[in-house]
Amino acid sequence: MGKDKLKRFAEIETFSNVLQLEAGKPFKGQWSNAFFKNNNPVVLELACGKGEYTVNLANLFPNKNFIGIDYKGNRIWRGAKTAIEDGVTNVAFLRIQIENLLDYFYDGEIDEIWITFPDPQPQLSREKKRLTSPRFLDKYIKILKPGGCVNLKTDNDGLHAYTAEKIEELKLKLHVKTEDLYQSLHADDVLSIKTYYEKKYLKDNKNINYLKFSFA
């Protein structure tokens, strides 16, 4: 492991807005009250990477709480550090494996989920690792409040198509579907937040797909 990664891993141990593995479990069912010290809605970003979307959402919606989830601590370091430096207090980062979500959140505790540019896991043998596979959807429906939505932004046409198929197959409620977000009417302030990787995709003239759906 490089020196920079070691330094970042050591530094996030001192960050008040980062919880790692077991440290997040005491807040299951009481993230708003016990961790954020308020009664505001809780929104998750899964596979948050450097946390750009999480922090930007927190800035746009000060009356909501945002938790970015990823397993790679050296990436979480960037978002957590930015939030601390900018005084953004309605954001936290949880370093866990996403398949363990149910260990950290109670049924109906989450208001909304964002999945922004995840690994598309294109190989058929890795379907279960896709964050919109039935394996993960079964977890989301449990932790989301009734009517809570899942948002997927991706440059990967295959993942977009796969997710749309699952929405139809499982008879989920589709709210928005577009294969070219920035040529559509849906690119508001929230959807126009751009991560480092999204900016690269756009420079390469790659279309950005977007889906919004719920379970009822």
N, C-alpha and C. Protein backbone atom coordinates (compact mmCIF):
# COMPACT_ATOMS: atom_id res chain seq x y z
N MET A 1 0.84 -1.19 0.00
CA MET A 1 0.00 0.00 0.00
C MET A 1 0.88 1.24 0.00
N GLY A 2 0.55 2.25 -0.87
CA GLY A 2 1.35 3.45 -0.96
C GLY A 2 1.27 4.32 0.28
N LYS A 3 2.24 5.21 0.40
CA LYS A 3 2.29 6.10 1.58
C LYS A 3 1.07 6.98 1.68
N ASP A 4 0.58 7.47 0.53
CA ASP A 4 -0.60 8.34 0.55
C ASP A 4 -1.82 7.60 1.08
N LYS A 5 -1.99 6.34 0.64
CA LYS A 5 -3.13 5.56 1.12
C LYS A 5 -3.02 5.31 2.62
N LEU A 6 -1.84 4.97 3.07
CA LEU A 6 -1.64 4.74 4.51
C LEU A 6 -1.95 5.99 5.31
N LYS A 7 -1.52 7.13 4.79
CA LYS A 7 -1.77 8.40 5.46
C LYS A 7 -3.26 8.69 5.54
N ARG A 8 -3.96 8.42 4.42
CA ARG A 8 -5.40 8.68 4.40
C ARG A 8 -6.16 7.75 5.33
N PHE A 9 -5.78 6.48 5.35
CA PHE A 9 -6.43 5.53 6.27
C PHE A 9 -6.23 5.96 7.71
N ALA A 10 -5.05 6.46 8.03
CA ALA A 10 -4.79 6.93 9.39
C ALA A 10 -5.60 8.18 9.70
N GLU A 11 -5.74 9.05 8.70
CA GLU A 11 -6.44 10.31 8.92
C GLU A 11 -7.94 10.11 9.10
N ILE A 12 -8.55 9.21 8.31
CA ILE A 12 -10.00 9.05 8.46
C ILE A 12 -10.36 8.43 9.81
N GLU A 13 -9.40 7.80 10.46
CA GLU A 13 -9.65 7.29 11.82
C GLU A 13 -9.96 8.44 12.78
N THR A 14 -9.51 9.64 12.43
CA THR A 14 -9.71 10.81 13.30
C THR A 14 -10.92 11.64 12.89
N PHE A 15 -11.53 11.33 11.75
CA PHE A 15 -12.65 12.12 11.24
C PHE A 15 -13.94 11.77 12.00
N SER A 16 -14.61 12.79 12.50
CA SER A 16 -15.87 12.57 13.22
C SER A 16 -17.01 12.19 12.28
N ASN A 17 -16.86 12.43 10.99
CA ASN A 17 -17.94 12.13 10.05
C ASN A 17 -17.72 10.83 9.28
N VAL A 18 -16.78 10.01 9.75
CA VAL A 18 -16.54 8.70 9.13
C VAL A 18 -16.70 7.60 10.17
N LEU A 19 -17.49 6.60 9.83
CA LEU A 19 -17.66 5.42 10.67
C LEU A 19 -17.21 4.21 9.87
N GLN A 20 -16.45 3.34 10.49
CA GLN A 20 -15.90 2.20 9.78
C GLN A 20 -16.40 0.89 10.38
N LEU A 21 -16.95 0.04 9.54
CA LEU A 21 -17.37 -1.31 9.90
C LEU A 21 -18.25 -1.30 11.14
N GLU A 22 -17.81 -1.91 12.21
CA GLU A 22 -18.66 -2.09 13.39
C GLU A 22 -19.08 -0.78 14.04
N ALA A 23 -18.32 0.29 13.80
CA ALA A 23 -18.61 1.56 14.46
C ALA A 23 -19.97 2.13 14.09
N GLY A 24 -20.50 1.73 12.92
CA GLY A 24 -21.79 2.25 12.49
C GLY A 24 -22.99 1.54 13.07
N LYS A 25 -22.78 0.36 13.64
CA LYS A 25 -23.92 -0.46 14.08
C LYS A 25 -24.71 0.16 15.24
N PRO A 26 -24.09 0.89 16.16
CA PRO A 26 -24.89 1.47 17.25
C PRO A 26 -25.95 2.45 16.77
N PHE A 27 -25.83 2.95 15.54
CA PHE A 27 -26.76 3.96 15.05
C PHE A 27 -27.89 3.35 14.23
N LYS A 28 -27.92 2.04 14.10
CA LYS A 28 -28.99 1.39 13.35
C LYS A 28 -30.34 1.78 13.94
N GLY A 29 -31.20 2.34 13.10
CA GLY A 29 -32.52 2.75 13.55
C GLY A 29 -32.58 4.13 14.16
N GLN A 30 -31.45 4.78 14.33
CA GLN A 30 -31.46 6.10 14.97
C GLN A 30 -30.37 7.02 14.41
N TRP A 31 -30.15 6.92 13.10
CA TRP A 31 -29.14 7.77 12.49
C TRP A 31 -29.45 9.25 12.66
N SER A 32 -30.70 9.64 12.44
CA SER A 32 -31.04 11.05 12.56
C SER A 32 -30.87 11.54 14.00
N ASN A 33 -31.50 10.85 14.93
CA ASN A 33 -31.50 11.31 16.32
C ASN A 33 -30.14 11.18 16.99
N ALA A 34 -29.53 10.01 16.89
CA ALA A 34 -28.32 9.75 17.66
C ALA A 34 -27.04 10.24 16.99
N PHE A 35 -26.98 10.17 15.66
CA PHE A 35 -25.75 10.59 14.99
C PHE A 35 -25.83 12.05 14.53
N PHE A 36 -26.87 12.38 13.77
CA PHE A 36 -26.97 13.74 13.23
C PHE A 36 -27.62 14.72 14.21
N LYS A 37 -28.22 14.21 15.27
CA LYS A 37 -28.84 15.04 16.31
C LYS A 37 -29.98 15.90 15.77
N ASN A 38 -30.82 15.30 14.91
CA ASN A 38 -32.00 15.99 14.40
C ASN A 38 -33.03 14.95 13.99
N ASN A 39 -34.12 15.40 13.41
CA ASN A 39 -35.17 14.47 12.96
C ASN A 39 -35.33 14.51 11.45
N ASN A 40 -34.28 14.88 10.74
CA ASN A 40 -34.37 15.05 9.29
C ASN A 40 -34.30 13.72 8.54
N PRO A 41 -34.82 13.68 7.31
CA PRO A 41 -34.75 12.47 6.49
C PRO A 41 -33.31 12.06 6.22
N VAL A 42 -33.11 10.75 6.01
CA VAL A 42 -31.78 10.21 5.73
C VAL A 42 -31.74 9.68 4.30
N VAL A 43 -30.71 10.09 3.56
CA VAL A 43 -30.52 9.69 2.17
C VAL A 43 -29.17 9.01 2.03
N LEU A 44 -29.11 7.90 1.29
CA LEU A 44 -27.86 7.17 1.09
C LEU A 44 -27.34 7.36 -0.33
N GLU A 45 -26.01 7.43 -0.44
CA GLU A 45 -25.37 7.24 -1.74
C GLU A 45 -24.52 5.99 -1.64
N LEU A 46 -24.81 5.01 -2.48
CA LEU A 46 -24.10 3.73 -2.44
C LEU A 46 -22.95 3.74 -3.44
N ALA A 47 -21.84 3.11 -3.06
CA ALA A 47 -20.63 3.13 -3.88
C ALA A 47 -20.25 4.57 -4.18
N CYS A 48 -20.16 5.37 -3.13
CA CYS A 48 -20.03 6.82 -3.26
C CYS A 48 -18.66 7.28 -3.75
N GLY A 49 -17.66 6.38 -3.75
CA GLY A 49 -16.33 6.78 -4.22
C GLY A 49 -15.77 7.93 -3.41
N LYS A 50 -15.43 9.02 -4.07
CA LYS A 50 -14.84 10.18 -3.40
C LYS A 50 -15.88 11.07 -2.72
N GLY A 51 -17.14 10.68 -2.83
CA GLY A 51 -18.18 11.39 -2.09
C GLY A 51 -18.63 12.71 -2.68
N GLU A 52 -18.30 12.95 -3.94
CA GLU A 52 -18.67 14.23 -4.54
C GLU A 52 -20.18 14.44 -4.56
N TYR A 53 -20.91 13.39 -4.94
CA TYR A 53 -22.37 13.53 -5.00
C TYR A 53 -22.95 13.70 -3.60
N THR A 54 -22.44 12.93 -2.65
CA THR A 54 -22.93 13.01 -1.28
C THR A 54 -22.79 14.42 -0.73
N VAL A 55 -21.61 15.00 -0.87
CA VAL A 55 -21.35 16.33 -0.31
C VAL A 55 -22.16 17.40 -1.04
N ASN A 56 -22.26 17.29 -2.36
CA ASN A 56 -23.04 18.27 -3.11
C ASN A 56 -24.53 18.20 -2.77
N LEU A 57 -25.05 16.99 -2.59
CA LEU A 57 -26.44 16.85 -2.17
C LEU A 57 -26.66 17.47 -0.79
N ALA A 58 -25.71 17.25 0.10
CA ALA A 58 -25.81 17.81 1.44
C ALA A 58 -25.82 19.33 1.41
N ASN A 59 -25.05 19.92 0.51
CA ASN A 59 -25.06 21.38 0.37
C ASN A 59 -26.38 21.88 -0.20
N LEU A 60 -26.96 21.13 -1.12
CA LEU A 60 -28.22 21.55 -1.73
C LEU A 60 -29.41 21.40 -0.79
N PHE A 61 -29.33 20.40 0.11
CA PHE A 61 -30.47 20.10 0.98
C PHE A 61 -30.02 20.07 2.45
N PRO A 62 -29.86 21.24 3.06
CA PRO A 62 -29.39 21.29 4.46
C PRO A 62 -30.38 20.68 5.46
N ASN A 63 -31.62 20.47 5.05
CA ASN A 63 -32.62 19.88 5.94
C ASN A 63 -32.78 18.37 5.76
N LYS A 64 -31.78 17.77 5.11
CA LYS A 64 -31.72 16.31 4.99
C LYS A 64 -30.33 15.85 5.44
N ASN A 65 -30.25 14.59 5.85
CA ASN A 65 -28.97 13.99 6.24
C ASN A 65 -28.52 13.02 5.14
N PHE A 66 -27.24 13.05 4.83
CA PHE A 66 -26.71 12.22 3.75
C PHE A 66 -25.57 11.33 4.24
N ILE A 67 -25.63 10.06 3.83
CA ILE A 67 -24.59 9.10 4.20
C ILE A 67 -24.04 8.48 2.93
N GLY A 68 -22.75 8.68 2.69
CA GLY A 68 -22.07 8.04 1.57
C GLY A 68 -21.47 6.72 2.02
N ILE A 69 -21.70 5.67 1.25
CA ILE A 69 -21.25 4.33 1.63
C ILE A 69 -20.29 3.78 0.59
N ASP A 70 -19.15 3.33 1.05
CA ASP A 70 -18.16 2.70 0.18
C ASP A 70 -17.23 1.89 1.08
N TYR A 71 -16.52 0.95 0.47
CA TYR A 71 -15.60 0.14 1.27
C TYR A 71 -14.17 0.66 1.17
N LYS A 72 -13.90 1.50 0.19
CA LYS A 72 -12.53 1.97 -0.04
C LYS A 72 -12.27 3.25 0.75
N GLY A 73 -11.57 3.09 1.86
CA GLY A 73 -11.35 4.21 2.76
C GLY A 73 -10.56 5.35 2.17
N ASN A 74 -9.61 5.04 1.28
CA ASN A 74 -8.82 6.11 0.69
C ASN A 74 -9.66 7.00 -0.22
N ARG A 75 -10.78 6.48 -0.74
CA ARG A 75 -11.70 7.30 -1.53
C ARG A 75 -12.60 8.12 -0.62
N ILE A 76 -13.17 7.48 0.39
CA ILE A 76 -14.03 8.17 1.34
C ILE A 76 -13.31 9.36 1.96
N TRP A 77 -12.02 9.23 2.16
CA TRP A 77 -11.20 10.29 2.76
C TRP A 77 -11.44 11.63 2.08
N ARG A 78 -11.53 11.63 0.74
CA ARG A 78 -11.67 12.90 0.02
C ARG A 78 -12.99 13.59 0.35
N GLY A 79 -14.09 12.86 0.28
CA GLY A 79 -15.39 13.47 0.57
C GLY A 79 -15.51 13.91 2.01
N ALA A 80 -15.02 13.06 2.91
CA ALA A 80 -15.11 13.39 4.34
C ALA A 80 -14.28 14.63 4.66
N LYS A 81 -13.11 14.72 4.09
CA LYS A 81 -12.23 15.87 4.34
C LYS A 81 -12.84 17.15 3.78
N THR A 82 -13.41 17.06 2.59
CA THR A 82 -14.07 18.23 2.00
C THR A 82 -15.21 18.71 2.88
N ALA A 83 -16.02 17.77 3.37
CA ALA A 83 -17.15 18.14 4.23
C ALA A 83 -16.67 18.83 5.51
N ILE A 84 -15.60 18.31 6.10
CA ILE A 84 -15.06 18.92 7.32
C ILE A 84 -14.52 20.31 7.04
N GLU A 85 -13.74 20.44 5.97
CA GLU A 85 -13.14 21.73 5.62
C GLU A 85 -14.19 22.78 5.28
N ASP A 86 -15.30 22.34 4.67
CA ASP A 86 -16.35 23.28 4.26
C ASP A 86 -17.44 23.46 5.32
N GLY A 87 -17.31 22.75 6.44
CA GLY A 87 -18.28 22.89 7.51
C GLY A 87 -19.64 22.30 7.19
N VAL A 88 -19.66 21.26 6.38
CA VAL A 88 -20.92 20.60 6.02
C VAL A 88 -21.21 19.53 7.08
N THR A 89 -22.21 19.76 7.90
CA THR A 89 -22.44 18.89 9.06
C THR A 89 -23.53 17.84 8.84
N ASN A 90 -24.26 17.94 7.73
CA ASN A 90 -25.34 16.98 7.49
C ASN A 90 -24.90 15.86 6.56
N VAL A 91 -23.62 15.50 6.64
CA VAL A 91 -23.08 14.43 5.80
C VAL A 91 -22.17 13.54 6.63
N ALA A 92 -22.24 12.24 6.34
CA ALA A 92 -21.37 11.27 7.00
C ALA A 92 -20.97 10.22 5.97
N PHE A 93 -19.96 9.45 6.31
CA PHE A 93 -19.50 8.38 5.43
C PHE A 93 -19.37 7.10 6.24
N LEU A 94 -19.83 6.02 5.65
CA LEU A 94 -19.84 4.72 6.31
C LEU A 94 -19.03 3.75 5.47
N ARG A 95 -17.96 3.23 6.06
CA ARG A 95 -17.08 2.32 5.33
C ARG A 95 -17.49 0.88 5.63
N ILE A 96 -18.32 0.33 4.74
CA ILE A 96 -18.79 -1.04 4.90
C ILE A 96 -18.95 -1.67 3.51
N GLN A 97 -19.16 -2.97 3.48
CA GLN A 97 -19.57 -3.65 2.26
C GLN A 97 -21.07 -3.41 2.07
N ILE A 98 -21.48 -3.02 0.88
CA ILE A 98 -22.88 -2.66 0.65
C ILE A 98 -23.82 -3.84 0.88
N GLU A 99 -23.33 -5.06 0.65
CA GLU A 99 -24.21 -6.21 0.89
C GLU A 99 -24.61 -6.36 2.35
N ASN A 100 -23.93 -5.62 3.24
CA ASN A 100 -24.26 -5.70 4.67
C ASN A 100 -25.16 -4.56 5.14
N LEU A 101 -25.84 -3.90 4.22
CA LEU A 101 -26.69 -2.75 4.55
C LEU A 101 -27.66 -3.04 5.70
N LEU A 102 -28.27 -4.22 5.69
CA LEU A 102 -29.31 -4.52 6.67
C LEU A 102 -28.76 -4.60 8.09
N ASP A 103 -27.45 -4.71 8.23
CA ASP A 103 -26.84 -4.72 9.56
C ASP A 103 -26.74 -3.32 10.14
N TYR A 104 -26.92 -2.29 9.28
CA TYR A 104 -26.67 -0.91 9.71
C TYR A 104 -27.90 -0.02 9.63
N PHE A 105 -28.98 -0.50 8.99
CA PHE A 105 -30.19 0.32 8.85
C PHE A 105 -31.42 -0.53 9.09
N TYR A 106 -32.39 0.05 9.83
CA TYR A 106 -33.63 -0.64 10.11
C TYR A 106 -34.60 -0.52 8.93
N ASP A 107 -35.63 -1.34 8.96
CA ASP A 107 -36.68 -1.27 7.95
C ASP A 107 -37.30 0.14 7.95
N GLY A 108 -37.44 0.72 6.76
CA GLY A 108 -38.11 2.01 6.63
C GLY A 108 -37.34 3.19 7.18
N GLU A 109 -36.03 3.05 7.37
CA GLU A 109 -35.25 4.15 7.97
C GLU A 109 -34.76 5.16 6.93
N ILE A 110 -34.71 4.77 5.66
CA ILE A 110 -34.09 5.59 4.62
C ILE A 110 -35.15 6.19 3.70
N ASP A 111 -34.96 7.45 3.34
CA ASP A 111 -35.92 8.16 2.49
C ASP A 111 -35.62 8.01 1.00
N GLU A 112 -34.36 7.88 0.65
CA GLU A 112 -34.00 7.85 -0.76
C GLU A 112 -32.61 7.22 -0.91
N ILE A 113 -32.37 6.62 -2.07
CA ILE A 113 -31.06 6.01 -2.37
C ILE A 113 -30.57 6.54 -3.71
N TRP A 114 -29.27 6.88 -3.73
CA TRP A 114 -28.59 7.27 -4.96
C TRP A 114 -27.50 6.26 -5.27
N ILE A 115 -27.42 5.88 -6.55
CA ILE A 115 -26.33 5.02 -7.03
C ILE A 115 -25.74 5.75 -8.24
N THR A 116 -24.54 6.28 -8.09
CA THR A 116 -23.97 7.11 -9.14
C THR A 116 -22.70 6.46 -9.70
N PHE A 117 -22.78 6.08 -10.94
CA PHE A 117 -21.65 5.52 -11.69
C PHE A 117 -20.97 4.35 -10.97
N PRO A 118 -21.76 3.33 -10.63
CA PRO A 118 -21.18 2.15 -9.98
C PRO A 118 -20.46 1.28 -10.99
N ASP A 119 -19.67 0.35 -10.50
CA ASP A 119 -19.07 -0.67 -11.35
C ASP A 119 -20.21 -1.44 -12.01
N PRO A 120 -20.30 -1.46 -13.34
CA PRO A 120 -21.43 -2.13 -14.00
C PRO A 120 -21.40 -3.65 -13.93
N GLN A 121 -20.26 -4.23 -13.53
CA GLN A 121 -20.14 -5.68 -13.44
C GLN A 121 -20.73 -6.34 -14.69
N PRO A 122 -20.16 -6.08 -15.86
CA PRO A 122 -20.79 -6.50 -17.13
C PRO A 122 -20.82 -8.01 -17.37
N GLN A 123 -19.90 -8.75 -16.75
CA GLN A 123 -19.89 -10.19 -16.99
C GLN A 123 -21.15 -10.85 -16.41
N LEU A 124 -21.75 -11.75 -17.16
CA LEU A 124 -22.96 -12.42 -16.70
C LEU A 124 -22.73 -13.12 -15.37
N SER A 125 -21.53 -13.66 -15.18
CA SER A 125 -21.21 -14.38 -13.94
C SER A 125 -21.19 -13.46 -12.72
N ARG A 126 -21.15 -12.16 -12.95
CA ARG A 126 -21.09 -11.18 -11.85
C ARG A 126 -22.40 -10.41 -11.68
N GLU A 127 -23.46 -10.94 -12.26
CA GLU A 127 -24.75 -10.24 -12.17
C GLU A 127 -25.14 -9.94 -10.73
N LYS A 128 -24.92 -10.88 -9.83
CA LYS A 128 -25.33 -10.69 -8.44
C LYS A 128 -24.61 -9.54 -7.76
N LYS A 129 -23.49 -9.10 -8.34
CA LYS A 129 -22.74 -7.99 -7.76
C LYS A 129 -23.22 -6.63 -8.27
N ARG A 130 -24.08 -6.64 -9.29
CA ARG A 130 -24.62 -5.37 -9.78
C ARG A 130 -25.52 -4.76 -8.71
N LEU A 131 -25.37 -3.47 -8.48
CA LEU A 131 -26.11 -2.83 -7.38
C LEU A 131 -27.59 -2.67 -7.66
N THR A 132 -28.03 -3.05 -8.86
CA THR A 132 -29.47 -3.06 -9.15
C THR A 132 -29.97 -4.47 -9.45
N SER A 133 -29.21 -5.47 -9.04
CA SER A 133 -29.67 -6.86 -9.19
C SER A 133 -30.73 -7.14 -8.12
N PRO A 134 -31.58 -8.14 -8.33
CA PRO A 134 -32.60 -8.47 -7.33
C PRO A 134 -32.02 -8.68 -5.93
N ARG A 135 -30.82 -9.21 -5.85
CA ARG A 135 -30.17 -9.42 -4.55
C ARG A 135 -30.08 -8.12 -3.75
N PHE A 136 -29.72 -7.04 -4.43
CA PHE A 136 -29.62 -5.75 -3.75
C PHE A 136 -30.97 -5.05 -3.65
N LEU A 137 -31.80 -5.18 -4.66
CA LEU A 137 -33.12 -4.56 -4.62
C LEU A 137 -33.91 -5.06 -3.41
N ASP A 138 -33.75 -6.33 -3.07
CA ASP A 138 -34.42 -6.90 -1.90
C ASP A 138 -34.00 -6.19 -0.60
N LYS A 139 -32.78 -5.70 -0.56
CA LYS A 139 -32.30 -4.97 0.62
C LYS A 139 -32.86 -3.54 0.63
N TYR A 140 -32.87 -2.92 -0.55
CA TYR A 140 -33.35 -1.54 -0.63
C TYR A 140 -34.81 -1.41 -0.22
N ILE A 141 -35.63 -2.36 -0.67
CA ILE A 141 -37.06 -2.27 -0.35
C ILE A 141 -37.29 -2.36 1.15
N LYS A 142 -36.41 -3.02 1.87
CA LYS A 142 -36.55 -3.14 3.32
C LYS A 142 -36.19 -1.86 4.04
N ILE A 143 -35.09 -1.24 3.65
CA ILE A 143 -34.64 -0.06 4.40
C ILE A 143 -35.30 1.24 3.95
N LEU A 144 -35.91 1.25 2.74
CA LEU A 144 -36.57 2.45 2.26
C LEU A 144 -37.95 2.63 2.90
N LYS A 145 -38.32 3.87 3.13
CA LYS A 145 -39.67 4.17 3.56
C LYS A 145 -40.63 3.88 2.39
N PRO A 146 -41.90 3.63 2.66
CA PRO A 146 -42.86 3.41 1.57
C PRO A 146 -42.82 4.58 0.59
N GLY A 147 -42.67 4.28 -0.69
CA GLY A 147 -42.59 5.32 -1.71
C GLY A 147 -41.21 5.90 -1.91
N GLY A 148 -40.24 5.48 -1.09
CA GLY A 148 -38.87 5.96 -1.24
C GLY A 148 -38.27 5.53 -2.57
N CYS A 149 -37.52 6.42 -3.19
CA CYS A 149 -37.03 6.16 -4.55
C CYS A 149 -35.56 5.76 -4.59
N VAL A 150 -35.22 5.04 -5.66
CA VAL A 150 -33.83 4.71 -6.00
C VAL A 150 -33.48 5.47 -7.27
N ASN A 151 -32.34 6.15 -7.27
CA ASN A 151 -31.86 6.88 -8.43
C ASN A 151 -30.58 6.23 -8.94
N LEU A 152 -30.52 5.98 -10.24
CA LEU A 152 -29.31 5.42 -10.85
C LEU A 152 -28.83 6.33 -11.96
N LYS A 153 -27.60 6.84 -11.82
CA LYS A 153 -26.92 7.56 -12.90
C LYS A 153 -25.76 6.69 -13.36
N THR A 154 -25.67 6.45 -14.65
CA THR A 154 -24.59 5.61 -15.15
C THR A 154 -24.25 5.96 -16.59
N ASP A 155 -22.99 5.82 -16.92
CA ASP A 155 -22.58 5.98 -18.31
C ASP A 155 -22.70 4.65 -19.06
N ASN A 156 -22.96 3.58 -18.31
CA ASN A 156 -22.95 2.24 -18.90
C ASN A 156 -24.34 1.88 -19.44
N ASP A 157 -24.45 1.80 -20.76
CA ASP A 157 -25.74 1.51 -21.38
C ASP A 157 -26.26 0.13 -20.98
N GLY A 158 -25.35 -0.82 -20.80
CA GLY A 158 -25.75 -2.17 -20.43
C GLY A 158 -26.39 -2.22 -19.05
N LEU A 159 -25.80 -1.52 -18.07
CA LEU A 159 -26.36 -1.50 -16.72
C LEU A 159 -27.70 -0.79 -16.71
N HIS A 160 -27.79 0.28 -17.48
CA HIS A 160 -29.06 1.01 -17.59
C HIS A 160 -30.16 0.10 -18.14
N ALA A 161 -29.86 -0.61 -19.22
CA ALA A 161 -30.84 -1.50 -19.84
C ALA A 161 -31.21 -2.64 -18.90
N TYR A 162 -30.21 -3.19 -18.22
CA TYR A 162 -30.45 -4.29 -17.28
C TYR A 162 -31.39 -3.83 -16.16
N THR A 163 -31.13 -2.65 -15.63
CA THR A 163 -31.96 -2.14 -14.53
C THR A 163 -33.37 -1.87 -15.00
N ALA A 164 -33.51 -1.31 -16.19
CA ALA A 164 -34.85 -1.07 -16.74
C ALA A 164 -35.61 -2.38 -16.90
N GLU A 165 -34.91 -3.43 -17.31
CA GLU A 165 -35.54 -4.74 -17.45
C GLU A 165 -36.03 -5.27 -16.11
N LYS A 166 -35.20 -5.09 -15.06
CA LYS A 166 -35.58 -5.56 -13.73
C LYS A 166 -36.78 -4.78 -13.19
N ILE A 167 -36.81 -3.49 -13.47
CA ILE A 167 -37.94 -2.67 -13.04
C ILE A 167 -39.24 -3.20 -13.65
N GLU A 168 -39.19 -3.52 -14.93
CA GLU A 168 -40.37 -4.05 -15.61
C GLU A 168 -40.70 -5.46 -15.13
N GLU A 169 -39.67 -6.29 -15.02
CA GLU A 169 -39.87 -7.69 -14.64
C GLU A 169 -40.45 -7.81 -13.24
N LEU A 170 -39.99 -6.96 -12.32
CA LEU A 170 -40.44 -7.02 -10.93
C LEU A 170 -41.64 -6.12 -10.66
N LYS A 171 -42.13 -5.47 -11.73
CA LYS A 171 -43.31 -4.61 -11.64
C LYS A 171 -43.10 -3.47 -10.62
N LEU A 172 -41.93 -2.86 -10.70
CA LEU A 172 -41.64 -1.71 -9.86
C LEU A 172 -42.20 -0.46 -10.53
N LYS A 173 -42.28 0.63 -9.79
CA LYS A 173 -42.85 1.86 -10.32
C LYS A 173 -41.74 2.72 -10.93
N LEU A 174 -41.79 2.94 -12.22
CA LEU A 174 -40.80 3.75 -12.92
C LEU A 174 -41.25 5.20 -12.96
N HIS A 175 -40.38 6.10 -12.45
CA HIS A 175 -40.70 7.53 -12.42
C HIS A 175 -40.04 8.28 -13.57
N VAL A 176 -38.77 7.98 -13.82
CA VAL A 176 -38.03 8.66 -14.89
C VAL A 176 -37.09 7.66 -15.55
N LYS A 177 -37.02 7.74 -16.87
CA LYS A 177 -36.07 6.93 -17.62
C LYS A 177 -35.58 7.75 -18.81
N THR A 178 -34.25 7.93 -18.90
CA THR A 178 -33.68 8.60 -20.05
C THR A 178 -32.31 8.03 -20.36
N GLU A 179 -32.02 7.90 -21.63
CA GLU A 179 -30.71 7.40 -22.07
C GLU A 179 -29.74 8.54 -22.35
N ASP A 180 -30.22 9.78 -22.24
CA ASP A 180 -29.35 10.93 -22.51
C ASP A 180 -29.80 12.08 -21.62
N LEU A 181 -29.37 12.05 -20.39
CA LEU A 181 -29.86 12.97 -19.36
C LEU A 181 -29.76 14.43 -19.77
N TYR A 182 -28.61 14.83 -20.30
CA TYR A 182 -28.39 16.25 -20.55
C TYR A 182 -29.04 16.75 -21.84
N GLN A 183 -29.64 15.84 -22.59
CA GLN A 183 -30.46 16.23 -23.73
C GLN A 183 -31.95 16.07 -23.41
N SER A 184 -32.23 15.77 -22.15
CA SER A 184 -33.61 15.58 -21.72
C SER A 184 -34.07 16.81 -20.93
N LEU A 185 -35.29 16.74 -20.42
CA LEU A 185 -35.83 17.83 -19.60
C LEU A 185 -35.62 17.58 -18.11
N HIS A 186 -34.85 16.55 -17.77
CA HIS A 186 -34.73 16.16 -16.36
C HIS A 186 -33.48 16.68 -15.66
N ALA A 187 -32.60 17.34 -16.38
CA ALA A 187 -31.31 17.74 -15.82
C ALA A 187 -31.44 18.99 -14.95
N ASP A 188 -32.01 18.82 -13.75
CA ASP A 188 -32.14 19.92 -12.80
C ASP A 188 -30.85 20.08 -12.00
N ASP A 189 -30.88 20.90 -10.94
CA ASP A 189 -29.68 21.15 -10.14
C ASP A 189 -29.14 19.87 -9.51
N VAL A 190 -30.03 18.97 -9.12
CA VAL A 190 -29.61 17.73 -8.47
C VAL A 190 -28.95 16.79 -9.46
N LEU A 191 -29.60 16.57 -10.58
CA LEU A 191 -29.08 15.63 -11.57
C LEU A 191 -27.89 16.20 -12.35
N SER A 192 -27.68 17.50 -12.24
CA SER A 192 -26.55 18.12 -12.94
C SER A 192 -25.27 18.13 -12.11
N ILE A 193 -25.34 17.60 -10.89
CA ILE A 193 -24.10 17.40 -10.12
C ILE A 193 -23.23 16.42 -10.89
N LYS A 194 -21.99 16.78 -11.08
CA LYS A 194 -21.10 15.93 -11.89
C LYS A 194 -19.89 15.48 -11.07
N THR A 195 -19.67 14.20 -11.03
CA THR A 195 -18.49 13.64 -10.37
C THR A 195 -17.28 13.76 -11.31
N TYR A 196 -16.14 13.47 -10.75
CA TYR A 196 -14.89 13.49 -11.54
C TYR A 196 -15.02 12.59 -12.77
N TYR A 197 -15.52 11.38 -12.54
CA TYR A 197 -15.63 10.43 -13.65
C TYR A 197 -16.68 10.84 -14.66
N GLU A 198 -17.77 11.42 -14.17
CA GLU A 198 -18.81 11.85 -15.12
C GLU A 198 -18.27 12.94 -16.04
N LYS A 199 -17.50 13.84 -15.51
CA LYS A 199 -16.91 14.89 -16.34
C LYS A 199 -16.02 14.29 -17.44
N LYS A 200 -15.30 13.23 -17.08
CA LYS A 200 -14.46 12.55 -18.08
C LYS A 200 -15.33 11.92 -19.16
N TYR A 201 -16.42 11.27 -18.75
CA TYR A 201 -17.30 10.62 -19.72
C TYR A 201 -17.90 11.65 -20.68
N LEU A 202 -18.28 12.80 -20.14
CA LEU A 202 -18.89 13.83 -20.97
C LEU A 202 -17.89 14.42 -21.96
N LYS A 203 -16.64 14.54 -21.54
CA LYS A 203 -15.60 15.02 -22.46
C LYS A 203 -15.41 14.07 -23.63
N ASP A 204 -15.69 12.80 -23.37
CA ASP A 204 -15.59 11.78 -24.42
C ASP A 204 -16.90 11.63 -25.19
N ASN A 205 -17.81 12.59 -24.97
CA ASN A 205 -19.12 12.58 -25.64
C ASN A 205 -19.95 11.35 -25.31
N LYS A 206 -19.77 10.84 -24.09
CA LYS A 206 -20.55 9.67 -23.66
C LYS A 206 -21.89 10.12 -23.12
N ASN A 207 -22.96 9.44 -23.50
CA ASN A 207 -24.27 9.76 -22.96
C ASN A 207 -24.37 9.30 -21.51
N ILE A 208 -25.16 10.03 -20.73
CA ILE A 208 -25.39 9.69 -19.33
C ILE A 208 -26.83 9.20 -19.18
N ASN A 209 -26.98 7.98 -18.67
CA ASN A 209 -28.28 7.37 -18.45
C ASN A 209 -28.79 7.69 -17.04
N TYR A 210 -30.10 7.77 -16.91
CA TYR A 210 -30.68 8.02 -15.58
C TYR A 210 -32.00 7.27 -15.44
N LEU A 211 -32.16 6.63 -14.28
CA LEU A 211 -33.41 5.96 -13.93
C LEU A 211 -33.80 6.35 -12.51
N LYS A 212 -35.09 6.56 -12.31
CA LYS A 212 -35.63 6.77 -10.98
C LYS A 212 -36.83 5.86 -10.80
N PHE A 213 -36.81 5.06 -9.74
CA PHE A 213 -37.90 4.10 -9.54
C PHE A 213 -38.16 3.89 -8.06
N SER A 214 -39.32 3.34 -7.77
CA SER A 214 -39.67 2.99 -6.39
C SER A 214 -40.35 1.64 -6.37
N PHE A 215 -40.62 1.15 -5.18
CA PHE A 215 -41.16 -0.20 -5.03
C PHE A 215 -42.68 -0.21 -4.88
N ALA A 216 -43.26 0.97 -4.85
CA ALA A 216 -44.73 1.06 -4.73
C ALA A 216 -45.22 2.38 -5.28
